[in-house]
């Protein structure tokens, strides 16, 4: 965990190295792109951890009571689809923000 925090701090601190060059143009396209990437990263991390917990709980329930596997399967698939739709929504929101950065999309 400490290595990840150190890596994130180093990554975010290195952006300020180019602040002098960016001040002349006063364009926020780089920050918009970084914000979109961070949004997608958080969404993917949250979605995968939620899908993992949902699948683990459903499989544990099926292992404890195999007769209830039919009753657990449909809510599992529905919950996985809803979790994935939230990740796709975050991707779309970040993708919509990229034209504001002026990358020519």
N, C-alpha and C. Protein backbone atom coordinates (compact mmCIF):
# COMPACT_ATOMS: atom_id res chain seq x y z
N UNK A 1 0.82 -1.19 0.00
CA UNK A 1 0.00 0.00 0.00
C UNK A 1 0.86 1.25 0.00
N UNK A 2 1.95 1.22 0.77
CA UNK A 2 2.83 2.38 0.82
C UNK A 2 3.50 2.61 -0.53
N UNK A 3 3.82 1.52 -1.23
CA UNK A 3 4.44 1.67 -2.54
C UNK A 3 3.47 2.31 -3.53
N UNK A 4 2.22 1.95 -3.44
CA UNK A 4 1.22 2.53 -4.34
C UNK A 4 1.03 4.01 -4.05
N UNK A 5 0.99 4.37 -2.78
CA UNK A 5 0.84 5.78 -2.41
C UNK A 5 2.06 6.59 -2.84
N UNK A 6 3.24 6.01 -2.68
CA UNK A 6 4.46 6.69 -3.10
C UNK A 6 4.48 6.87 -4.60
N UNK A 7 4.06 5.84 -5.34
CA UNK A 7 4.00 5.94 -6.79
C UNK A 7 3.02 7.01 -7.23
N UNK A 8 1.83 7.06 -6.60
CA UNK A 8 0.82 8.06 -6.95
C UNK A 8 1.32 9.47 -6.64
N UNK A 9 1.98 9.64 -5.50
CA UNK A 9 2.51 10.96 -5.14
C UNK A 9 3.59 11.39 -6.12
N UNK A 10 4.45 10.47 -6.51
CA UNK A 10 5.49 10.79 -7.48
C UNK A 10 4.89 11.14 -8.83
N UNK A 11 3.89 10.42 -9.24
CA UNK A 11 3.25 10.67 -10.53
C UNK A 11 2.58 12.02 -10.54
N UNK A 12 1.86 12.36 -9.47
CA UNK A 12 1.16 13.63 -9.42
C UNK A 12 2.11 14.80 -9.21
N UNK A 13 3.21 14.59 -8.51
CA UNK A 13 4.18 15.66 -8.30
C UNK A 13 4.96 15.97 -9.55
N UNK A 14 5.13 14.99 -10.43
CA UNK A 14 5.91 15.23 -11.64
C UNK A 14 5.16 16.08 -12.65
N UNK A 15 3.87 16.25 -12.50
CA UNK A 15 3.10 17.09 -13.41
C UNK A 15 3.51 18.55 -13.24
N UNK A 16 3.87 18.95 -12.04
CA UNK A 16 4.22 20.34 -11.80
C UNK A 16 5.55 20.73 -12.44
N UNK A 17 6.32 19.79 -12.90
CA UNK A 17 7.58 20.10 -13.57
C UNK A 17 7.32 20.87 -14.85
N UNK A 18 6.23 20.56 -15.51
CA UNK A 18 5.91 21.21 -16.78
C UNK A 18 4.98 22.40 -16.60
N UNK A 19 4.83 22.90 -15.40
CA UNK A 19 3.91 24.00 -15.13
C UNK A 19 4.38 25.29 -15.79
N UNK A 20 5.67 25.52 -15.88
CA UNK A 20 6.18 26.73 -16.49
C UNK A 20 5.81 26.78 -17.97
N UNK A 21 5.93 25.66 -18.63
CA UNK A 21 5.60 25.59 -20.05
C UNK A 21 4.10 25.73 -20.28
N UNK A 22 3.31 25.15 -19.42
CA UNK A 22 1.86 25.19 -19.57
C UNK A 22 1.28 26.55 -19.20
N UNK A 23 1.99 27.32 -18.40
CA UNK A 23 1.48 28.62 -17.98
C UNK A 23 1.40 29.59 -19.15
N UNK A 24 2.25 29.42 -20.15
CA UNK A 24 2.24 30.32 -21.29
C UNK A 24 1.00 30.13 -22.14
N UNK A 25 0.50 28.91 -22.24
CA UNK A 25 -0.66 28.65 -23.08
C UNK A 25 -1.96 28.69 -22.29
N UNK A 26 -1.91 28.50 -21.00
CA UNK A 26 -3.07 28.45 -20.10
C UNK A 26 -4.15 27.50 -20.62
N UNK A 27 -3.71 26.31 -21.05
CA UNK A 27 -4.62 25.30 -21.55
C UNK A 27 -4.71 24.18 -20.51
N UNK A 28 -5.90 23.77 -20.19
CA UNK A 28 -6.10 22.75 -19.16
C UNK A 28 -6.32 21.37 -19.75
N UNK A 29 -5.90 21.15 -20.98
CA UNK A 29 -6.18 19.87 -21.64
C UNK A 29 -5.50 18.71 -20.93
N UNK A 30 -4.31 18.92 -20.43
CA UNK A 30 -3.62 17.85 -19.73
C UNK A 30 -4.31 17.45 -18.44
N UNK A 31 -4.81 18.43 -17.72
CA UNK A 31 -5.51 18.14 -16.47
C UNK A 31 -6.84 17.44 -16.72
N UNK A 32 -7.51 17.79 -17.82
CA UNK A 32 -8.76 17.12 -18.16
C UNK A 32 -8.47 15.66 -18.50
N UNK A 33 -7.40 15.41 -19.23
CA UNK A 33 -7.04 14.03 -19.59
C UNK A 33 -6.65 13.23 -18.35
N UNK A 34 -5.92 13.84 -17.43
CA UNK A 34 -5.53 13.16 -16.20
C UNK A 34 -6.77 12.87 -15.35
N UNK A 35 -7.70 13.83 -15.29
CA UNK A 35 -8.94 13.61 -14.55
C UNK A 35 -9.77 12.49 -15.13
N UNK A 36 -9.82 12.42 -16.46
CA UNK A 36 -10.57 11.33 -17.10
C UNK A 36 -9.91 9.99 -16.82
N UNK A 37 -8.59 9.95 -16.86
CA UNK A 37 -7.89 8.69 -16.58
C UNK A 37 -8.08 8.25 -15.13
N UNK A 38 -8.06 9.18 -14.21
CA UNK A 38 -8.27 8.85 -12.80
C UNK A 38 -9.70 8.36 -12.57
N UNK A 39 -10.67 9.00 -13.25
CA UNK A 39 -12.07 8.57 -13.10
C UNK A 39 -12.26 7.15 -13.61
N UNK A 40 -11.68 6.85 -14.75
CA UNK A 40 -11.79 5.50 -15.29
C UNK A 40 -11.10 4.50 -14.36
N UNK A 41 -9.93 4.87 -13.85
CA UNK A 41 -9.20 3.98 -12.95
C UNK A 41 -9.97 3.65 -11.69
N UNK A 42 -10.56 4.68 -11.07
CA UNK A 42 -11.35 4.44 -9.86
C UNK A 42 -12.58 3.59 -10.16
N UNK A 43 -13.22 3.86 -11.29
CA UNK A 43 -14.42 3.09 -11.65
C UNK A 43 -14.08 1.63 -11.89
N UNK A 44 -12.99 1.39 -12.58
CA UNK A 44 -12.60 0.00 -12.86
C UNK A 44 -12.21 -0.71 -11.57
N UNK A 45 -11.46 -0.04 -10.71
CA UNK A 45 -11.06 -0.65 -9.45
C UNK A 45 -12.28 -0.97 -8.59
N UNK A 46 -13.20 -0.01 -8.48
CA UNK A 46 -14.41 -0.24 -7.68
C UNK A 46 -15.29 -1.33 -8.27
N UNK A 47 -15.42 -1.33 -9.60
CA UNK A 47 -16.24 -2.33 -10.24
C UNK A 47 -15.69 -3.74 -10.10
N UNK A 48 -14.38 -3.88 -10.28
CA UNK A 48 -13.80 -5.22 -10.17
C UNK A 48 -13.84 -5.73 -8.73
N UNK A 49 -13.62 -4.85 -7.78
CA UNK A 49 -13.69 -5.32 -6.39
C UNK A 49 -15.13 -5.68 -6.01
N UNK A 50 -16.10 -4.92 -6.50
CA UNK A 50 -17.50 -5.24 -6.21
C UNK A 50 -17.92 -6.54 -6.89
N UNK A 51 -17.49 -6.73 -8.13
CA UNK A 51 -17.83 -7.98 -8.82
C UNK A 51 -17.18 -9.18 -8.14
N UNK A 52 -15.98 -9.00 -7.66
CA UNK A 52 -15.30 -10.08 -6.95
C UNK A 52 -16.01 -10.46 -5.67
N UNK A 53 -16.44 -9.44 -4.91
CA UNK A 53 -17.16 -9.73 -3.66
C UNK A 53 -18.51 -10.38 -3.95
N UNK A 54 -19.20 -9.91 -4.98
CA UNK A 54 -20.51 -10.48 -5.31
C UNK A 54 -20.37 -11.93 -5.76
N UNK A 55 -19.40 -12.20 -6.60
CA UNK A 55 -19.20 -13.57 -7.07
C UNK A 55 -18.77 -14.48 -5.92
N UNK A 56 -17.90 -13.98 -5.05
CA UNK A 56 -17.45 -14.80 -3.93
C UNK A 56 -18.61 -15.14 -2.99
N UNK A 57 -19.46 -14.15 -2.72
CA UNK A 57 -20.60 -14.40 -1.84
C UNK A 57 -21.58 -15.39 -2.46
N UNK A 58 -21.83 -15.24 -3.77
CA UNK A 58 -22.76 -16.16 -4.43
C UNK A 58 -22.19 -17.57 -4.49
N UNK A 59 -20.93 -17.69 -4.80
CA UNK A 59 -20.33 -19.03 -4.86
C UNK A 59 -20.26 -19.68 -3.48
N UNK A 60 -20.04 -18.89 -2.45
CA UNK A 60 -20.04 -19.44 -1.10
C UNK A 60 -21.44 -19.92 -0.72
N UNK A 61 -22.46 -19.14 -1.11
CA UNK A 61 -23.83 -19.55 -0.84
C UNK A 61 -24.20 -20.81 -1.60
N UNK A 62 -23.73 -20.93 -2.84
CA UNK A 62 -24.00 -22.13 -3.62
C UNK A 62 -23.26 -23.34 -3.07
N UNK A 63 -22.08 -23.12 -2.53
CA UNK A 63 -21.30 -24.22 -1.96
C UNK A 63 -21.94 -24.71 -0.66
N UNK A 64 -22.49 -23.81 0.13
CA UNK A 64 -23.11 -24.21 1.39
C UNK A 64 -24.47 -24.89 1.17
N UNK A 65 -25.18 -24.43 0.14
CA UNK A 65 -26.51 -24.98 -0.13
C UNK A 65 -26.67 -25.16 -1.64
N UNK A 66 -26.26 -26.28 -2.18
CA UNK A 66 -26.34 -26.47 -3.64
C UNK A 66 -27.77 -26.44 -4.18
N UNK A 67 -28.74 -26.71 -3.36
CA UNK A 67 -30.12 -26.68 -3.83
C UNK A 67 -30.60 -25.26 -4.13
N UNK A 68 -29.96 -24.27 -3.53
CA UNK A 68 -30.35 -22.87 -3.73
C UNK A 68 -29.59 -22.20 -4.87
N UNK A 69 -28.82 -22.97 -5.62
CA UNK A 69 -28.01 -22.36 -6.68
C UNK A 69 -28.88 -21.73 -7.77
N UNK A 70 -30.06 -22.30 -8.04
CA UNK A 70 -30.95 -21.70 -9.03
C UNK A 70 -31.49 -20.35 -8.56
N UNK A 71 -31.74 -20.23 -7.27
CA UNK A 71 -32.25 -18.98 -6.73
C UNK A 71 -31.16 -17.92 -6.61
N UNK A 72 -29.91 -18.32 -6.51
CA UNK A 72 -28.80 -17.36 -6.39
C UNK A 72 -28.24 -16.92 -7.73
N UNK A 73 -28.42 -17.72 -8.76
CA UNK A 73 -27.78 -17.45 -10.04
C UNK A 73 -28.33 -16.19 -10.71
N UNK A 74 -29.65 -16.04 -10.75
CA UNK A 74 -30.26 -14.89 -11.42
C UNK A 74 -29.92 -13.57 -10.74
N UNK A 75 -30.03 -13.44 -9.41
CA UNK A 75 -29.61 -12.19 -8.78
C UNK A 75 -28.11 -11.90 -8.96
N UNK A 76 -27.30 -12.96 -9.03
CA UNK A 76 -25.87 -12.76 -9.25
C UNK A 76 -25.63 -12.14 -10.62
N UNK A 77 -26.23 -12.69 -11.65
CA UNK A 77 -26.04 -12.16 -13.00
C UNK A 77 -26.58 -10.74 -13.10
N UNK A 78 -27.71 -10.48 -12.49
CA UNK A 78 -28.29 -9.14 -12.50
C UNK A 78 -27.38 -8.15 -11.79
N UNK A 79 -26.85 -8.52 -10.64
CA UNK A 79 -25.96 -7.60 -9.92
C UNK A 79 -24.67 -7.37 -10.68
N UNK A 80 -24.12 -8.40 -11.31
CA UNK A 80 -22.90 -8.21 -12.09
C UNK A 80 -23.15 -7.30 -13.28
N UNK A 81 -24.31 -7.42 -13.91
CA UNK A 81 -24.64 -6.54 -15.03
C UNK A 81 -24.79 -5.10 -14.58
N UNK A 82 -25.41 -4.88 -13.43
CA UNK A 82 -25.57 -3.51 -12.93
C UNK A 82 -24.23 -2.89 -12.53
N UNK A 83 -23.37 -3.68 -11.93
CA UNK A 83 -22.04 -3.18 -11.56
C UNK A 83 -21.26 -2.81 -12.82
N UNK A 84 -21.34 -3.67 -13.83
CA UNK A 84 -20.61 -3.39 -15.07
C UNK A 84 -21.18 -2.17 -15.78
N UNK A 85 -22.50 -1.96 -15.67
CA UNK A 85 -23.08 -0.78 -16.31
C UNK A 85 -22.58 0.51 -15.66
N UNK A 86 -22.32 0.48 -14.36
CA UNK A 86 -21.76 1.67 -13.71
C UNK A 86 -20.33 1.94 -14.17
N UNK A 87 -19.57 0.90 -14.41
CA UNK A 87 -18.20 1.08 -14.91
C UNK A 87 -18.25 1.66 -16.32
N UNK A 88 -19.16 1.16 -17.15
CA UNK A 88 -19.29 1.67 -18.51
C UNK A 88 -19.77 3.12 -18.48
N UNK A 89 -20.66 3.47 -17.55
CA UNK A 89 -21.11 4.85 -17.42
C UNK A 89 -19.95 5.77 -17.07
N UNK A 90 -19.09 5.36 -16.17
CA UNK A 90 -17.92 6.17 -15.82
C UNK A 90 -17.00 6.33 -17.02
N UNK A 91 -16.84 5.26 -17.81
CA UNK A 91 -16.04 5.35 -19.03
C UNK A 91 -16.64 6.37 -20.00
N UNK A 92 -17.96 6.34 -20.16
CA UNK A 92 -18.59 7.28 -21.08
C UNK A 92 -18.47 8.72 -20.60
N UNK A 93 -18.63 8.95 -19.31
CA UNK A 93 -18.48 10.30 -18.77
C UNK A 93 -17.06 10.81 -19.00
N UNK A 94 -16.07 9.97 -18.77
CA UNK A 94 -14.69 10.38 -18.99
C UNK A 94 -14.42 10.59 -20.48
N UNK A 95 -15.02 9.77 -21.33
CA UNK A 95 -14.82 9.90 -22.77
C UNK A 95 -15.49 11.15 -23.32
N UNK A 96 -16.61 11.56 -22.71
CA UNK A 96 -17.29 12.79 -23.13
C UNK A 96 -16.46 14.01 -22.74
N UNK A 97 -15.72 13.92 -21.66
CA UNK A 97 -14.90 15.04 -21.22
C UNK A 97 -13.67 15.27 -22.10
N UNK A 98 -13.21 14.26 -22.83
CA UNK A 98 -12.00 14.39 -23.62
C UNK A 98 -12.10 15.43 -24.75
N UNK A 99 -13.23 15.63 -25.43
CA UNK A 99 -13.26 16.70 -26.43
C UNK A 99 -13.01 18.08 -25.83
N UNK A 100 -13.35 18.28 -24.56
CA UNK A 100 -13.07 19.56 -23.91
C UNK A 100 -11.57 19.79 -23.76
N UNK A 101 -10.80 18.71 -23.81
CA UNK A 101 -9.36 18.85 -23.70
C UNK A 101 -8.74 19.31 -25.01
N UNK A 102 -9.48 19.21 -26.10
CA UNK A 102 -8.97 19.69 -27.38
C UNK A 102 -8.00 18.75 -28.05
N UNK A 103 -8.21 17.46 -27.91
CA UNK A 103 -7.32 16.50 -28.55
C UNK A 103 -7.77 16.17 -29.96
N UNK A 104 -8.81 16.80 -30.46
CA UNK A 104 -9.27 16.57 -31.82
C UNK A 104 -10.29 15.48 -31.96
N UNK A 105 -10.92 15.07 -30.87
CA UNK A 105 -11.96 14.04 -30.98
C UNK A 105 -13.25 14.68 -31.43
